Protein backbone atom coordinates (compact mmCIF):
# COMPACT_ATOMS: atom_id res chain seq x y z
CA UNK A 1 0.00 0.00 0.00
CA UNK A 2 1.23 3.45 -0.91
CA UNK A 3 0.36 6.73 0.75
CA UNK A 4 -1.28 7.89 -2.47
CA UNK A 5 -3.66 4.89 -2.34
CA UNK A 6 -5.04 5.76 1.10
CA UNK A 7 -8.56 7.16 0.94
CA UNK A 8 -11.04 8.28 3.54
CA UNK A 9 -13.74 5.74 4.42
CA UNK A 10 -17.12 6.20 2.81
CA UNK A 11 -19.26 8.67 4.74
CA UNK A 12 -16.30 10.42 6.39
CA UNK A 13 -17.06 13.71 4.66
CA UNK A 14 -20.71 14.69 5.02
CA UNK A 15 -22.29 17.45 3.04
CA UNK A 16 -23.22 20.45 5.22
CA UNK A 17 -26.91 21.14 5.85
CA UNK A 18 -27.88 24.09 3.67
CA UNK A 19 -30.61 25.77 5.64
CA UNK A 20 -33.05 28.35 4.40
CA UNK A 21 -32.91 27.24 0.76
CA UNK A 22 -36.59 26.63 0.05
CA UNK A 23 -39.21 24.18 1.21
CA UNK A 24 -37.95 21.44 -1.10
CA UNK A 25 -34.68 21.21 0.86
CA UNK A 26 -36.46 20.17 4.04
CA UNK A 27 -34.79 23.06 5.86
CA UNK A 28 -36.71 25.96 4.34
CA UNK A 29 -39.01 28.64 5.78
CA UNK A 30 -37.81 28.84 9.41
CA UNK A 31 -34.44 27.25 8.61
CA UNK A 32 -34.59 24.90 11.62
CA UNK A 33 -34.79 27.86 14.04
CA UNK A 34 -38.42 27.51 15.11
CA UNK A 35 -40.83 30.45 15.32
CA UNK A 36 -40.25 33.96 16.66
CA UNK A 37 -38.08 34.98 19.58
CA UNK A 38 -34.43 35.80 20.20
CA UNK A 39 -33.21 32.36 19.12
CA UNK A 40 -34.62 32.94 15.65
CA UNK A 41 -32.94 36.33 15.14
CA UNK A 42 -29.54 36.77 13.58
CA UNK A 43 -26.74 37.93 15.86
CA UNK A 44 -28.46 36.67 19.00
CA UNK A 45 -26.14 35.73 21.84
CA UNK A 46 -26.70 34.74 25.43
CA UNK A 47 -24.35 35.36 28.30
CA UNK A 48 -22.52 32.43 29.94
CA UNK A 49 -24.78 30.69 32.45
CA UNK A 50 -28.02 31.88 30.81
CA UNK A 51 -30.68 29.18 31.05
CA UNK A 52 -33.47 30.63 28.95
CA UNK A 53 -35.03 32.71 31.72
CA UNK A 54 -35.00 29.90 34.28
CA UNK A 55 -33.22 30.81 37.53
CA UNK A 56 -29.57 29.97 36.76
CA UNK A 57 -27.78 27.26 38.72
CA UNK A 58 -25.23 29.70 40.13
CA UNK A 59 -28.05 31.73 41.69
CA UNK A 60 -29.93 28.66 42.97
CA UNK A 61 -27.03 27.30 45.02
CA UNK A 62 -26.76 28.75 48.56
CA UNK A 63 -23.69 30.84 49.24
CA UNK A 64 -21.93 30.81 52.59
CA UNK A 65 -18.85 32.36 54.09
CA UNK A 66 -16.22 34.59 52.59
CA UNK A 67 -13.50 33.80 50.08
CA UNK A 68 -10.50 36.09 50.40
CA UNK A 69 -9.26 37.17 46.99
CA UNK A 70 -5.57 37.48 47.82
CA UNK A 71 -5.25 34.84 50.53
CA UNK A 72 -1.67 33.75 51.22
CA UNK A 73 -1.46 30.05 51.96
CA UNK A 74 1.53 28.49 53.66
CA UNK A 75 2.99 25.04 53.11
CA UNK A 76 3.33 23.66 56.62
CA UNK A 77 6.06 21.41 57.95
CA UNK A 78 6.06 19.96 61.46
CA UNK A 79 9.20 19.76 63.61
CA UNK A 80 9.02 15.95 63.72
CA UNK A 81 9.44 15.91 59.92
CA UNK A 82 12.78 17.75 60.23
CA UNK A 83 14.34 14.83 62.14
CA UNK A 84 15.07 13.06 58.84
CA UNK A 85 17.86 15.54 58.03
CA UNK A 86 21.48 15.07 59.23
CA UNK A 87 22.74 16.80 62.37
CA UNK A 88 24.22 20.33 61.89
CA UNK A 89 22.93 20.59 58.29
CA UNK A 90 21.39 23.63 56.63
CA UNK A 91 17.87 22.96 55.37
CA UNK A 92 15.74 25.24 53.20
CA UNK A 93 13.08 25.08 50.50
CA UNK A 94 15.22 23.03 48.08
CA UNK A 95 15.94 20.37 50.70
CA UNK A 96 12.29 20.29 51.78
CA UNK A 97 11.25 19.78 48.15
CA UNK A 98 13.76 16.94 47.64
CA UNK A 99 12.53 15.26 50.83
CA UNK A 100 8.91 15.55 49.64
CA UNK A 101 7.83 17.78 52.53
CA UNK A 102 6.52 20.56 50.28
CA UNK A 103 4.96 20.65 46.84
CA UNK A 104 6.11 23.99 45.43
CA UNK A 105 9.13 26.27 45.76
CA UNK A 106 6.98 29.29 44.92
CA UNK A 107 4.70 29.24 47.97
CA UNK A 108 5.86 30.33 51.44
CA UNK A 109 6.80 27.76 54.10
CA UNK A 110 5.78 27.74 57.76
CA UNK A 111 7.31 25.51 60.42
CA UNK A 112 4.85 24.28 63.06
CA UNK A 113 5.66 22.99 66.55
CA UNK A 114 4.22 19.47 66.42
CA UNK A 115 6.74 16.89 67.64
CA UNK A 116 10.15 17.11 69.31
CA UNK A 117 13.36 18.16 67.55
CA UNK A 118 16.06 15.48 67.69
CA UNK A 119 18.83 17.30 65.79
CA UNK A 120 20.52 20.70 65.65
CA UNK A 121 19.75 22.29 62.29
CA UNK A 122 19.92 25.63 60.53
CA UNK A 123 16.39 26.03 59.19
CA UNK A 124 15.40 28.51 56.48
CA UNK A 125 11.67 29.25 56.24
CA UNK A 126 9.29 32.16 55.74
CA UNK A 127 7.51 31.79 59.08
CA UNK A 128 7.78 29.88 62.37
CA UNK A 129 5.03 29.32 64.91
CA UNK A 130 5.73 30.41 68.51
CA UNK A 131 5.82 26.81 69.76
CA UNK A 132 8.19 25.81 66.93
CA UNK A 133 10.51 28.74 67.73
CA UNK A 134 10.72 27.77 71.39
CA UNK A 135 11.26 24.07 70.74
CA UNK A 136 13.91 24.59 68.04
CA UNK A 137 15.85 27.24 69.96
CA UNK A 138 15.96 25.09 73.11
CA UNK A 139 17.25 22.20 70.97
CA UNK A 140 20.06 24.47 69.68
CA UNK A 141 18.80 24.99 66.13
CA UNK A 142 19.23 28.27 64.26
CA UNK A 143 16.29 29.90 62.50
CA UNK A 144 16.63 32.00 59.35
CA UNK A 145 13.72 33.93 57.90
CA UNK A 146 13.25 34.04 54.12
CA UNK A 147 11.61 36.98 52.34
CA UNK A 148 8.23 36.22 50.77
């Protein structure tokens, strides 16, 4: 078989429906648009979510609470998770990412105070909770703040 011998299967290319071309075509008079109204007119458009005058779904669903537009979310790491790193090592976002503790290098990191520190580390993060600060400083770790 050659590439020049390949053809489309029968029925692959349909003829387009030619509407509004007389009653003999089967699509004459109203041209498959029904009678009267905005849907029949040329240039008619409806906005996204319009349901023909019925109360739209977005307005039927109850709304609760408040969604802050510019909310800053932190990726949290607990102290007990830091025990996997070697003693006296410097750990920051790159090390956290390699260890699988965070998902993104672009979002800020916060260290929380759950667990007990077992090693002395130099920890680089954007924020530390009060309990984490106390626990890490008593264990002899150094804390370095990163700019957001």
